[in-house]
């Protein structure tokens, strides 16, 4: 083949470059987009289950934390209507100079925000005894079967604390929208014989 023929072929190649089949990329774009969207949806679902199923936080007092009491047995409570008095006990004054317990709760209400219908919400409240005699918790009862409560010690000596864990199970029965669940404690504190704790939130 002479040099003239070679130059003619080279010129033809530049004038007619090989086809790159651009339509192949167009075919893959929808598949890639679908895969990315699926991964995003799976990630969101996993995050919502992880956050919605269990929310736990610890209430901290504004003052230094007191030692945890071990003087009494743990106390558990659920929804037992017979334990809820028809008439709330009336607070009474303590005679001057007489030792008496003094219940103190830095926080008595917790808003757990928005949760899914299968959420299990747990919150820990602090129960302090700032008095001069043992604080006895004799009754622990909740307003609904979906809510339970656990107190670490039914007897709290002066200058000590107990932890009250309240658990709300949104999956216990069908519930949707705003909810308020109550926990009540009967105590030997003359000024607070019947104490109410609130859990509020929104079930989606």
C-alpha atoms as a PDB file:
ATOM      1  CA  UNK A   1       0.000   0.000   0.000  1.00  0.00           C
ATOM      2  CA  UNK A   2       1.475   3.384  -1.038  1.00  0.00           C
ATOM      3  CA  UNK A   3       1.582   6.509   1.124  1.00  0.00           C
ATOM      4  CA  UNK A   4      -1.199   8.183  -0.822  1.00  0.00           C
ATOM      5  CA  UNK A   5      -3.671   5.378  -0.048  1.00  0.00           C
ATOM      6  CA  UNK A   6      -2.754   5.508   3.667  1.00  0.00           C
ATOM      7  CA  UNK A   7      -3.408   9.227   3.831  1.00  0.00           C
ATOM      8  CA  UNK A   8      -6.829   8.699   2.185  1.00  0.00           C
ATOM      9  CA  UNK A   9      -7.831   6.059   4.795  1.00  0.00           C
ATOM     10  CA  UNK A  10      -6.662   8.220   7.685  1.00  0.00           C
ATOM     11  CA  UNK A  11      -8.711  11.127   6.409  1.00  0.00           C
ATOM     12  CA  UNK A  12     -11.770   8.893   6.144  1.00  0.00           C
ATOM     13  CA  UNK A  13     -11.388   7.771   9.783  1.00  0.00           C
ATOM     14  CA  UNK A  14     -11.363  11.370  11.033  1.00  0.00           C
ATOM     15  CA  UNK A  15     -14.392  12.215   8.929  1.00  0.00           C
ATOM     16  CA  UNK A  16     -16.336   9.129  10.142  1.00  0.00           C
ATOM     17  CA  UNK A  17     -15.354   8.379  13.795  1.00  0.00           C
ATOM     18  CA  UNK A  18     -16.743   5.160  15.324  1.00  0.00           C
ATOM     19  CA  UNK A  19     -20.137   5.396  17.074  1.00  0.00           C
ATOM     20  CA  UNK A  20     -20.053   5.468  20.932  1.00  0.00           C
ATOM     21  CA  UNK A  21     -23.650   4.268  21.483  1.00  0.00           C
ATOM     22  CA  UNK A  22     -24.823   7.096  23.780  1.00  0.00           C
ATOM     23  CA  UNK A  23     -28.139   5.306  24.319  1.00  0.00           C
ATOM     24  CA  UNK A  24     -26.419   2.759  26.587  1.00  0.00           C
ATOM     25  CA  UNK A  25     -26.021   5.399  29.350  1.00  0.00           C
ATOM     26  CA  UNK A  26     -29.650   6.429  28.995  1.00  0.00           C
ATOM     27  CA  UNK A  27     -30.651   2.832  29.701  1.00  0.00           C
ATOM     28  CA  UNK A  28     -28.635   2.694  32.960  1.00  0.00           C
ATOM     29  CA  UNK A  29     -29.715   6.063  34.404  1.00  0.00           C
ATOM     30  CA  UNK A  30     -33.220   4.927  35.542  1.00  0.00           C
ATOM     31  CA  UNK A  31     -31.782   1.768  37.130  1.00  0.00           C
ATOM     32  CA  UNK A  32     -29.138   3.702  39.076  1.00  0.00           C
ATOM     33  CA  UNK A  33     -31.689   6.295  40.217  1.00  0.00           C
ATOM     34  CA  UNK A  34     -34.058   3.561  41.414  1.00  0.00           C
ATOM     35  CA  UNK A  35     -31.270   1.824  43.364  1.00  0.00           C
ATOM     36  CA  UNK A  36     -30.189   5.066  45.078  1.00  0.00           C
ATOM     37  CA  UNK A  37     -33.793   5.904  46.027  1.00  0.00           C
ATOM     38  CA  UNK A  38     -34.288   2.403  47.463  1.00  0.00           C
ATOM     39  CA  UNK A  39     -31.150   2.754  49.623  1.00  0.00           C
ATOM     40  CA  UNK A  40     -32.334   6.126  50.932  1.00  0.00           C
ATOM     41  CA  UNK A  41     -35.781   4.727  51.833  1.00  0.00           C
ATOM     42  CA  UNK A  42     -34.241   1.729  53.618  1.00  0.00           C
ATOM     43  CA  UNK A  43     -31.932   4.031  55.591  1.00  0.00           C
ATOM     44  CA  UNK A  44     -34.832   6.258  56.649  1.00  0.00           C
ATOM     45  CA  UNK A  45     -36.889   3.234  57.715  1.00  0.00           C
ATOM     46  CA  UNK A  46     -34.038   1.815  59.809  1.00  0.00           C
ATOM     47  CA  UNK A  47     -33.470   5.201  61.459  1.00  0.00           C
ATOM     48  CA  UNK A  48     -37.164   5.643  62.307  1.00  0.00           C
ATOM     49  CA  UNK A  49     -37.412   2.136  63.786  1.00  0.00           C
ATOM     50  CA  UNK A  50     -34.288   2.673  65.863  1.00  0.00           C
ATOM     51  CA  UNK A  51     -35.386   6.057  67.168  1.00  0.00           C
ATOM     52  CA  UNK A  52     -39.114   5.366  67.386  1.00  0.00           C
ATOM     53  CA  UNK A  53     -38.951   1.956  69.024  1.00  0.00           C
ATOM     54  CA  UNK A  54     -36.859   3.033  71.987  1.00  0.00           C
ATOM     55  CA  UNK A  55     -36.445   6.523  73.369  1.00  0.00           C
ATOM     56  CA  UNK A  56     -34.718   6.675  76.690  1.00  0.00           C
ATOM     57  CA  UNK A  57     -33.454   9.665  78.594  1.00  0.00           C
ATOM     58  CA  UNK A  58     -32.572  10.403  82.174  1.00  0.00           C
ATOM     59  CA  UNK A  59     -33.982  13.360  84.059  1.00  0.00           C
ATOM     60  CA  UNK A  60     -31.236  15.190  85.930  1.00  0.00           C
ATOM     61  CA  UNK A  61     -31.868  17.317  89.013  1.00  0.00           C
ATOM     62  CA  UNK A  62     -30.763  20.934  89.133  1.00  0.00           C
ATOM     63  CA  UNK A  63     -28.874  20.135  92.354  1.00  0.00           C
ATOM     64  CA  UNK A  64     -26.090  17.540  92.793  1.00  0.00           C
ATOM     65  CA  UNK A  65     -27.348  13.969  92.499  1.00  0.00           C
ATOM     66  CA  UNK A  66     -28.042  12.242  95.816  1.00  0.00           C
ATOM     67  CA  UNK A  67     -26.870   8.694  96.608  1.00  0.00           C
ATOM     68  CA  UNK A  68     -29.108   5.933  95.290  1.00  0.00           C
ATOM     69  CA  UNK A  69     -31.197   4.340  98.057  1.00  0.00           C
ATOM     70  CA  UNK A  70     -31.040   0.603  98.728  1.00  0.00           C
ATOM     71  CA  UNK A  71     -33.080   0.519 101.935  1.00  0.00           C
ATOM     72  CA  UNK A  72     -36.277  -0.978 100.520  1.00  0.00           C
ATOM     73  CA  UNK A  73     -37.373  -3.520  97.973  1.00  0.00           C
ATOM     74  CA  UNK A  74     -38.069  -2.376  94.405  1.00  0.00           C
ATOM     75  CA  UNK A  75     -41.676  -1.472  93.696  1.00  0.00           C
ATOM     76  CA  UNK A  76     -43.491  -2.155  90.427  1.00  0.00           C
ATOM     77  CA  UNK A  77     -46.818  -0.782  89.315  1.00  0.00           C
ATOM     78  CA  UNK A  78     -49.312  -1.098  86.503  1.00  0.00           C
ATOM     79  CA  UNK A  79     -52.915  -0.232  85.804  1.00  0.00           C
ATOM     80  CA  UNK A  80     -54.870  -1.476  88.827  1.00  0.00           C
ATOM     81  CA  UNK A  81     -58.033   0.677  89.193  1.00  0.00           C
ATOM     82  CA  UNK A  82     -58.679  -0.611  92.718  1.00  0.00           C
ATOM     83  CA  UNK A  83     -55.494   1.134  93.876  1.00  0.00           C
ATOM     84  CA  UNK A  84     -56.640   4.544  92.633  1.00  0.00           C
ATOM     85  CA  UNK A  85     -58.518   6.371  95.409  1.00  0.00           C
ATOM     86  CA  UNK A  86     -61.820   8.035  94.625  1.00  0.00           C
ATOM     87  CA  UNK A  87     -60.840  10.926  96.878  1.00  0.00           C
ATOM     88  CA  UNK A  88     -57.274  12.223  96.734  1.00  0.00           C
ATOM     89  CA  UNK A  89     -55.654  12.311 100.216  1.00  0.00           C
ATOM     90  CA  UNK A  90     -55.419  15.797 101.689  1.00  0.00           C
ATOM     91  CA  UNK A  91     -51.951  17.187 102.490  1.00  0.00           C
ATOM     92  CA  UNK A  92     -51.378  18.036 106.150  1.00  0.00           C
ATOM     93  CA  UNK A  93     -48.852  20.109 108.017  1.00  0.00           C
ATOM     94  CA  UNK A  94     -45.994  18.569 109.956  1.00  0.00           C
ATOM     95  CA  UNK A  95     -45.819  19.479 113.669  1.00  0.00           C
ATOM     96  CA  UNK A  96     -42.813  21.668 114.396  1.00  0.00           C
ATOM     97  CA  UNK A  97     -39.747  19.720 115.460  1.00  0.00           C
ATOM     98  CA  UNK A  98     -41.148  16.337 114.336  1.00  0.00           C
ATOM     99  CA  UNK A  99     -39.012  14.340 111.887  1.00  0.00           C
ATOM    100  CA  UNK A 100     -40.758  13.884 108.563  1.00  0.00           C
ATOM    101  CA  UNK A 101     -39.902  12.846 104.999  1.00  0.00           C
ATOM    102  CA  UNK A 102     -39.995  15.404 102.203  1.00  0.00           C
ATOM    103  CA  UNK A 103     -40.459  14.124  98.671  1.00  0.00           C
ATOM    104  CA  UNK A 104     -38.753  16.156  95.963  1.00  0.00           C
ATOM    105  CA  UNK A 105     -38.937  15.534  92.199  1.00  0.00           C
ATOM    106  CA  UNK A 106     -37.019  17.998  90.001  1.00  0.00           C
ATOM    107  CA  UNK A 107     -39.205  16.938  87.043  1.00  0.00           C
ATOM    108  CA  UNK A 108     -42.689  15.413  87.179  1.00  0.00           C
ATOM    109  CA  UNK A 109     -43.643  15.618  83.496  1.00  0.00           C
ATOM    110  CA  UNK A 110     -41.912  14.349  80.354  1.00  0.00           C
ATOM    111  CA  UNK A 111     -42.917  14.994  76.741  1.00  0.00           C
ATOM    112  CA  UNK A 112     -41.507  12.232  74.540  1.00  0.00           C
ATOM    113  CA  UNK A 113     -42.443  14.019  71.311  1.00  0.00           C
ATOM    114  CA  UNK A 114     -43.601  12.177  68.177  1.00  0.00           C
ATOM    115  CA  UNK A 115     -43.182   8.411  68.031  1.00  0.00           C
ATOM    116  CA  UNK A 116     -44.344   5.578  65.779  1.00  0.00           C
ATOM    117  CA  UNK A 117     -47.247   3.266  66.639  1.00  0.00           C
ATOM    118  CA  UNK A 118     -44.888   0.478  67.720  1.00  0.00           C
ATOM    119  CA  UNK A 119     -42.723   2.734  69.906  1.00  0.00           C
ATOM    120  CA  UNK A 120     -41.544   1.752  73.376  1.00  0.00           C
ATOM    121  CA  UNK A 121     -40.797   4.939  75.326  1.00  0.00           C
ATOM    122  CA  UNK A 122     -38.797   4.783  78.549  1.00  0.00           C
ATOM    123  CA  UNK A 123     -38.042   7.697  80.841  1.00  0.00           C
ATOM    124  CA  UNK A 124     -36.399   7.806  84.256  1.00  0.00           C
ATOM    125  CA  UNK A 125     -37.534  10.305  86.882  1.00  0.00           C
ATOM    126  CA  UNK A 126     -35.647  11.115  90.072  1.00  0.00           C
ATOM    127  CA  UNK A 127     -37.358  10.864  93.475  1.00  0.00           C
ATOM    128  CA  UNK A 128     -35.409  12.585  96.260  1.00  0.00           C
ATOM    129  CA  UNK A 129     -35.978  12.614 100.008  1.00  0.00           C
ATOM    130  CA  UNK A 130     -34.961  16.007 101.377  1.00  0.00           C
ATOM    131  CA  UNK A 131     -36.621  15.416 104.732  1.00  0.00           C
ATOM    132  CA  UNK A 132     -35.482  14.109 108.105  1.00  0.00           C
ATOM    133  CA  UNK A 133     -37.238  10.696 108.134  1.00  0.00           C
ATOM    134  CA  UNK A 134     -37.501   7.741 105.770  1.00  0.00           C
ATOM    135  CA  UNK A 135     -39.743   8.292 102.743  1.00  0.00           C
ATOM    136  CA  UNK A 136     -41.999   5.300 102.078  1.00  0.00           C
ATOM    137  CA  UNK A 137     -43.692   4.727  98.714  1.00  0.00           C
ATOM    138  CA  UNK A 138     -46.548   2.360  99.418  1.00  0.00           C
ATOM    139  CA  UNK A 139     -48.466   2.397  96.130  1.00  0.00           C
ATOM    140  CA  UNK A 140     -47.404   2.725  92.490  1.00  0.00           C
ATOM    141  CA  UNK A 141     -50.183   2.684  89.887  1.00  0.00           C
ATOM    142  CA  UNK A 142     -50.690   3.884  86.300  1.00  0.00           C
ATOM    143  CA  UNK A 143     -53.639   5.295  84.378  1.00  0.00           C
ATOM    144  CA  UNK A 144     -53.556   2.767  81.510  1.00  0.00           C
ATOM    145  CA  UNK A 145     -52.453  -0.772  80.778  1.00  0.00           C
ATOM    146  CA  UNK A 146     -50.002   0.516  78.168  1.00  0.00           C
ATOM    147  CA  UNK A 147     -47.961   2.193  80.906  1.00  0.00           C
ATOM    148  CA  UNK A 148     -45.917   0.533  83.645  1.00  0.00           C
ATOM    149  CA  UNK A 149     -43.641   1.923  86.334  1.00  0.00           C
ATOM    150  CA  UNK A 150     -40.681   0.630  88.343  1.00  0.00           C
ATOM    151  CA  UNK A 151     -39.174   2.274  91.450  1.00  0.00           C
ATOM    152  CA  UNK A 152     -35.685   1.171  92.470  1.00  0.00           C
ATOM    153  CA  UNK A 153     -36.454   1.362  96.221  1.00  0.00           C
ATOM    154  CA  UNK A 154     -39.752   1.648  98.085  1.00  0.00           C
ATOM    155  CA  UNK A 155     -37.922   3.182 101.076  1.00  0.00           C
ATOM    156  CA  UNK A 156     -35.752   6.278 100.586  1.00  0.00           C
ATOM    157  CA  UNK A 157     -33.727   7.432 103.614  1.00  0.00           C
ATOM    158  CA  UNK A 158     -33.095  11.152 104.175  1.00  0.00           C
ATOM    159  CA  UNK A 159     -30.561  12.593 101.740  1.00  0.00           C
ATOM    160  CA  UNK A 160     -30.957   9.766  99.241  1.00  0.00           C
ATOM    161  CA  UNK A 161     -32.872   9.154  96.016  1.00  0.00           C
ATOM    162  CA  UNK A 162     -34.683   6.471  94.048  1.00  0.00           C
ATOM    163  CA  UNK A 163     -35.148   6.211  90.303  1.00  0.00           C
ATOM    164  CA  UNK A 164     -38.624   5.867  88.834  1.00  0.00           C
ATOM    165  CA  UNK A 165     -38.666   4.265  85.397  1.00  0.00           C
ATOM    166  CA  UNK A 166     -41.865   4.821  83.419  1.00  0.00           C
ATOM    167  CA  UNK A 167     -42.481   2.781  80.272  1.00  0.00           C
ATOM    168  CA  UNK A 168     -45.099   3.638  77.647  1.00  0.00           C
ATOM    169  CA  UNK A 169     -45.842   0.936  75.054  1.00  0.00           C
ATOM    170  CA  UNK A 170     -47.658   2.498  72.076  1.00  0.00           C
ATOM    171  CA  UNK A 171     -48.148  -0.986  70.591  1.00  0.00           C
ATOM    172  CA  UNK A 172     -50.067  -2.272  73.643  1.00  0.00           C
ATOM    173  CA  UNK A 173     -53.391  -1.271  72.054  1.00  0.00           C
ATOM    174  CA  UNK A 174     -54.463   0.899  69.079  1.00  0.00           C
ATOM    175  CA  UNK A 175     -53.690   4.533  69.824  1.00  0.00           C
ATOM    176  CA  UNK A 176     -53.028   7.547  67.626  1.00  0.00           C
ATOM    177  CA  UNK A 177     -52.645  11.282  68.147  1.00  0.00           C
ATOM    178  CA  UNK A 178     -51.951  13.122  71.390  1.00  0.00           C
ATOM    179  CA  UNK A 179     -51.617  10.947  74.486  1.00  0.00           C
ATOM    180  CA  UNK A 180     -51.267  11.616  78.211  1.00  0.00           C
ATOM    181  CA  UNK A 181     -50.381   8.816  80.609  1.00  0.00           C
ATOM    182  CA  UNK A 182     -50.229   9.223  84.378  1.00  0.00           C
ATOM    183  CA  UNK A 183     -48.365   7.516  87.190  1.00  0.00           C
ATOM    184  CA  UNK A 184     -49.413   7.938  90.820  1.00  0.00           C
ATOM    185  CA  UNK A 185     -47.513   7.254  94.026  1.00  0.00           C
ATOM    186  CA  UNK A 186     -48.859   7.055  97.560  1.00  0.00           C
ATOM    187  CA  UNK A 187     -46.288   8.299 100.086  1.00  0.00           C
ATOM    188  CA  UNK A 188     -45.897   8.974 103.790  1.00  0.00           C
ATOM    189  CA  UNK A 189     -44.846  12.571 103.118  1.00  0.00           C
ATOM    190  CA  UNK A 190     -47.510  14.567 105.015  1.00  0.00           C
ATOM    191  CA  UNK A 191     -47.339  17.403 102.502  1.00  0.00           C
ATOM    192  CA  UNK A 192     -47.519  15.113  99.436  1.00  0.00           C
ATOM    193  CA  UNK A 193     -49.487  11.969 100.256  1.00  0.00           C
ATOM    194  CA  UNK A 194     -50.480  11.431  96.598  1.00  0.00           C
ATOM    195  CA  UNK A 195     -48.027  12.360  93.811  1.00  0.00           C
ATOM    196  CA  UNK A 196     -48.792  12.522  90.082  1.00  0.00           C
ATOM    197  CA  UNK A 197     -46.272  12.084  87.231  1.00  0.00           C
ATOM    198  CA  UNK A 198     -47.143  12.755  83.564  1.00  0.00           C
ATOM    199  CA  UNK A 199     -45.939  11.318  80.262  1.00  0.00           C
ATOM    200  CA  UNK A 200     -47.201  13.129  77.151  1.00  0.00           C
ATOM    201  CA  UNK A 201     -46.539  12.864  73.440  1.00  0.00           C
ATOM    202  CA  UNK A 202     -47.936  12.171  69.985  1.00  0.00           C
ATOM    203  CA  UNK A 203     -48.315   8.755  68.373  1.00  0.00           C
ATOM    204  CA  UNK A 204     -48.184   8.868  64.569  1.00  0.00           C
END
